[in-house]
Protein backbone atom coordinates (compact mmCIF):
# COMPACT_ATOMS: atom_id res chain seq x y z
CA MET A 1 19.60 9.29 -32.35
CA PRO A 2 19.53 13.10 -32.84
CA LEU A 3 16.15 14.74 -32.43
CA THR A 4 14.39 16.20 -35.46
CA MET A 5 13.40 19.85 -35.55
CA PRO A 6 9.70 19.10 -34.90
CA GLU A 7 10.75 17.04 -31.87
CA GLU A 8 13.00 19.80 -30.52
CA LEU A 9 10.26 22.37 -31.07
CA VAL A 10 7.68 20.34 -29.15
CA LEU A 11 10.06 19.97 -26.20
CA LEU A 12 10.45 23.76 -26.14
CA MET A 13 6.68 24.23 -26.24
CA LEU A 14 5.92 22.06 -23.21
CA ASP A 15 5.66 23.54 -19.73
CA ASP A 16 8.38 21.98 -17.61
CA SER A 17 6.29 21.76 -14.45
CA THR A 18 2.95 20.54 -15.85
CA GLY A 19 3.79 18.70 -19.07
CA ARG A 20 1.09 20.70 -20.85
CA LEU A 21 1.51 22.84 -23.95
CA ASN A 22 2.69 26.20 -22.68
CA ASP A 23 0.10 28.98 -23.00
CA THR A 24 2.60 31.09 -24.91
CA ALA A 25 3.02 28.34 -27.48
CA GLY A 26 -0.67 27.71 -28.04
CA PRO A 27 -1.46 30.28 -30.78
CA ALA A 28 1.82 29.57 -32.55
CA SER A 29 1.77 25.81 -32.37
CA GLY A 30 0.29 24.88 -35.75
CA TYR A 31 2.31 27.34 -37.81
CA ALA A 32 5.52 26.62 -35.95
CA MET A 33 5.04 22.87 -36.40
CA ALA A 34 4.44 23.33 -40.12
CA GLY A 35 7.59 25.44 -40.37
CA ALA A 36 9.59 22.84 -38.43
CA VAL A 37 8.48 20.03 -40.77
CA LEU A 38 9.51 22.07 -43.82
CA ALA A 39 12.79 23.05 -42.17
CA GLU A 40 13.64 19.41 -41.43
CA LEU A 41 12.92 18.46 -45.04
CA ALA A 42 15.20 21.26 -46.21
CA LEU A 43 17.98 20.21 -43.86
CA ARG A 44 17.75 16.70 -45.30
CA GLY A 45 18.16 18.10 -48.82
CA ARG A 46 14.64 17.27 -49.97
CA ILE A 47 13.20 20.76 -50.62
CA ALA A 48 14.38 24.27 -51.50
CA THR A 49 12.58 27.55 -51.05
CA GLY A 50 12.45 30.64 -53.20
CA PRO A 51 10.46 33.88 -53.02
CA ASP A 52 7.45 32.40 -54.82
CA ARG A 53 7.99 28.67 -54.95
CA LEU A 54 8.84 25.82 -52.63
CA SER A 55 10.19 22.95 -54.71
CA VAL A 56 11.36 19.38 -54.24
CA THR A 57 15.04 18.81 -54.97
CA ASP A 58 15.08 15.12 -54.01
CA PRO A 59 11.79 13.15 -53.85
CA SER A 60 13.33 10.05 -52.26
CA PRO A 61 11.72 9.14 -48.90
CA THR A 62 13.53 10.08 -45.70
CA GLY A 63 12.23 7.09 -43.79
CA ASP A 64 10.50 9.41 -41.33
CA ALA A 65 6.76 8.76 -41.03
CA LEU A 66 6.02 12.41 -40.25
CA LEU A 67 8.10 13.93 -43.05
CA ASP A 68 7.51 11.59 -45.97
CA PRO A 69 3.76 12.23 -46.48
CA VAL A 70 4.48 15.99 -46.56
CA LEU A 71 7.33 15.47 -49.02
CA ALA A 72 5.04 13.41 -51.27
CA ARG A 73 2.39 16.14 -51.18
CA ILE A 74 4.87 18.83 -52.16
CA ALA A 75 6.30 16.63 -54.92
CA GLY A 76 2.81 15.99 -56.28
CA ASP A 77 1.65 19.59 -56.05
CA PRO A 78 0.61 20.89 -59.50
CA GLY A 79 1.01 24.51 -58.42
CA PRO A 80 -1.61 27.25 -58.21
CA SER A 81 -4.96 26.53 -59.81
CA ALA A 82 -6.68 28.93 -62.19
CA GLU A 83 -8.73 30.26 -59.28
CA GLU A 84 -5.65 31.05 -57.21
CA ALA A 85 -3.26 32.05 -59.97
CA ASP A 86 -2.01 35.01 -57.94
CA ILE A 87 -1.19 32.84 -54.88
CA PRO A 88 2.16 31.12 -55.45
CA HIS A 89 2.84 27.92 -53.56
CA GLY A 90 5.85 29.21 -51.66
CA SER A 91 6.85 28.87 -48.01
CA ARG A 92 3.92 30.89 -46.71
CA TRP A 93 1.32 28.95 -48.70
CA TRP A 94 2.68 25.63 -47.48
CA ILE A 95 2.94 26.80 -43.85
CA GLU A 96 -0.67 27.98 -43.90
CA THR A 97 -1.78 24.75 -45.60
CA LEU A 98 0.13 22.41 -43.29
CA ALA A 99 -0.76 24.41 -40.16
CA THR A 100 -4.30 23.04 -40.38
CA GLU A 101 -2.73 19.69 -39.47
CA GLY A 102 -0.59 21.18 -36.71
CA ASP A 103 -2.41 19.32 -33.93
CA ALA A 104 -1.92 16.00 -35.72
CA PHE A 105 1.78 16.75 -36.25
CA ARG A 106 2.19 17.64 -32.58
CA GLU A 107 0.37 14.52 -31.37
CA ALA A 108 2.52 12.33 -33.60
CA VAL A 109 5.68 13.98 -32.28
CA LEU A 110 4.53 13.61 -28.66
CA ALA A 111 3.85 9.90 -29.23
CA ARG A 112 7.31 9.56 -30.75
CA LEU A 113 8.96 11.30 -27.79
CA VAL A 114 7.08 8.99 -25.44
CA GLY A 115 8.32 6.04 -27.49
CA HIS A 116 11.89 7.33 -27.24
CA GLY A 117 11.59 7.41 -23.44
CA ILE A 118 11.99 11.21 -23.36
CA LEU A 119 8.45 11.99 -22.18
CA ARG A 120 5.82 10.00 -20.34
CA GLU A 121 2.11 10.24 -21.03
CA GLU A 122 -0.26 10.91 -18.12
CA GLU A 123 -4.05 11.04 -18.14
CA GLY A 124 -5.50 13.75 -15.96
CA ARG A 125 -8.29 16.26 -15.50
CA PHE A 126 -8.22 19.98 -16.25
CA LEU A 127 -10.12 21.93 -13.56
CA TRP A 128 -11.00 18.48 -12.15
CA VAL A 129 -13.57 18.03 -14.94
CA PHE A 130 -12.16 17.95 -18.47
CA PRO A 131 -9.97 14.98 -19.44
CA GLU A 132 -6.52 15.88 -20.70
CA ARG A 133 -3.16 14.33 -21.45
CA ARG A 134 0.06 15.65 -19.97
CA TYR A 135 3.58 14.88 -21.12
CA PRO A 136 6.12 15.43 -18.33
CA ALA A 137 9.76 14.92 -19.20
CA ILE A 138 11.36 11.81 -17.74
CA SER A 139 14.78 13.32 -17.15
CA GLY A 140 14.61 16.70 -18.91
CA ARG A 141 18.08 16.15 -20.33
CA GLU A 142 17.05 16.44 -23.97
CA GLU A 143 15.23 19.75 -23.47
CA ARG A 144 18.13 21.16 -21.48
CA GLU A 145 20.51 20.19 -24.26
CA VAL A 146 18.37 21.94 -26.89
CA LYS A 147 18.13 25.10 -24.79
CA ALA A 148 21.84 25.04 -23.97
CA ARG A 149 22.71 24.71 -27.65
CA LEU A 150 20.48 27.64 -28.60
CA MET A 151 21.77 29.77 -25.74
CA ALA A 152 25.36 29.08 -26.83
CA VAL A 153 24.50 30.28 -30.33
CA ILE A 154 22.75 33.40 -29.06
CA PHE A 155 25.50 34.45 -26.67
CA GLU A 156 28.52 33.56 -28.79
CA GLU A 157 29.72 35.24 -31.96
CA GLU A 158 30.56 32.14 -33.96
CA ALA A 159 28.61 31.33 -37.11
CA PRO A 160 25.68 29.05 -36.18
CA GLU A 161 24.94 25.67 -37.69
CA PRO A 162 22.05 25.79 -40.19
CA ARG A 163 19.83 23.68 -37.88
CA ASP A 164 20.32 26.07 -34.97
CA ALA A 165 19.75 29.15 -37.15
CA LEU A 166 16.52 27.64 -38.45
CA LEU A 167 15.25 26.69 -34.99
CA ILE A 168 16.05 30.11 -33.55
CA GLY A 169 14.38 31.77 -36.52
CA LEU A 170 11.24 29.68 -36.10
CA CYS A 171 11.10 30.31 -32.35
CA ARG A 172 11.52 34.04 -32.94
CA ALA A 173 8.89 34.20 -35.68
CA ALA A 174 6.36 32.23 -33.62
CA GLY A 175 6.97 34.18 -30.41
CA LEU A 176 8.45 31.23 -28.52
CA LEU A 177 11.72 32.82 -27.37
CA PRO A 178 10.15 34.06 -24.10
CA LEU A 179 9.95 30.36 -23.18
CA ILE A 180 13.76 30.24 -23.32
CA LEU A 181 14.99 33.67 -22.24
CA ALA A 182 13.91 36.09 -19.50
CA PRO A 183 12.44 39.40 -20.80
CA GLY A 184 15.48 41.56 -20.06
CA THR A 185 17.89 39.01 -21.49
CA LEU A 186 15.72 38.54 -24.57
CA GLU A 187 15.64 42.28 -25.26
CA ALA A 188 19.40 42.58 -24.95
CA ALA A 189 19.97 39.58 -27.20
CA GLU A 190 17.54 40.65 -29.94
CA PRO A 191 20.22 42.04 -32.34
CA ARG A 192 22.16 38.76 -32.19
CA ILE A 193 18.96 36.71 -32.53
CA GLU A 194 17.97 38.68 -35.63
CA ALA A 195 21.42 38.21 -37.12
CA VAL A 196 21.34 34.46 -36.47
CA ALA A 197 17.82 34.09 -37.86
CA ASN A 198 18.88 35.84 -41.06
CA THR A 199 22.00 33.77 -41.74
CA GLU A 200 20.07 31.11 -43.66
CA GLU A 201 17.90 31.91 -46.67
CA LEU A 202 15.44 29.21 -45.61
CA SER A 203 15.31 30.65 -42.09
CA ARG A 204 14.45 34.08 -43.51
CA SER A 205 11.84 32.60 -45.82
CA LEU A 206 10.09 30.48 -43.18
CA GLY A 207 10.48 33.13 -40.49
CA ASP A 208 9.03 35.87 -42.67
CA ALA A 209 6.13 33.64 -43.64
CA VAL A 210 5.26 32.80 -40.03
CA ARG A 211 5.61 36.43 -38.90
CA ASP A 212 3.41 37.69 -41.77
CA ILE A 213 0.72 35.18 -40.82
CA PHE A 214 0.76 36.27 -37.17
CA VAL A 215 0.61 39.95 -38.12
CA GLU A 216 -2.51 39.29 -40.16
CA MET A 217 -4.02 37.20 -37.37
CA ALA A 218 -3.49 40.06 -34.90
CA ARG A 219 -4.95 42.56 -37.35
CA TYR A 220 -8.23 40.66 -37.63
CA THR A 221 -8.51 39.48 -34.04
CA PRO A 222 -10.98 41.68 -32.12
CA ILE A 223 -9.74 43.23 -28.89
CA MET A 224 -11.85 42.03 -25.95
């Protein structure tokens, strides 16, 4: 069974050697997971995005236990309240709202990947004191396939599939591409990455929303 975008994203976030969430992915995890859930719903024809509104085009359940509660919430959303009349419920609003549940999304996806036999769950100790769970890959084949597919898109000139454009756009917006490409290679490939990320309207919408959120986070984060 093909992996969903949240599943592919989690595989990219994990450190290959430790099975822990990569440090680079930590700050981006919640927003990227929210974007991946919305992207998967869009790919399945359930939602559409516009500048100021994210709407449901087909409310029928997908059969996916992670996606369907989010779809139901969007379908039941009455829109901005009187107090937030100037805050449209577009891609950014939903990413910020769903990002608060990013840890729960990620844990659900990790459990699913364990159930698929792609990862195994290990109990361990961080610094020999704090309990933690690690998720090493069993074979690593699935992650390699995701990376190989994205690399092929980045280094070839053919038009990308919508799923690949969306995943590359999310990874770029959330700062996850350094987990895939070495610094020099990433810099050289940036024009192509930008072009790919902008091929899909949804990719632009979600990517811009995630980037705007991170810019504001950086602006209000004190420098130590």
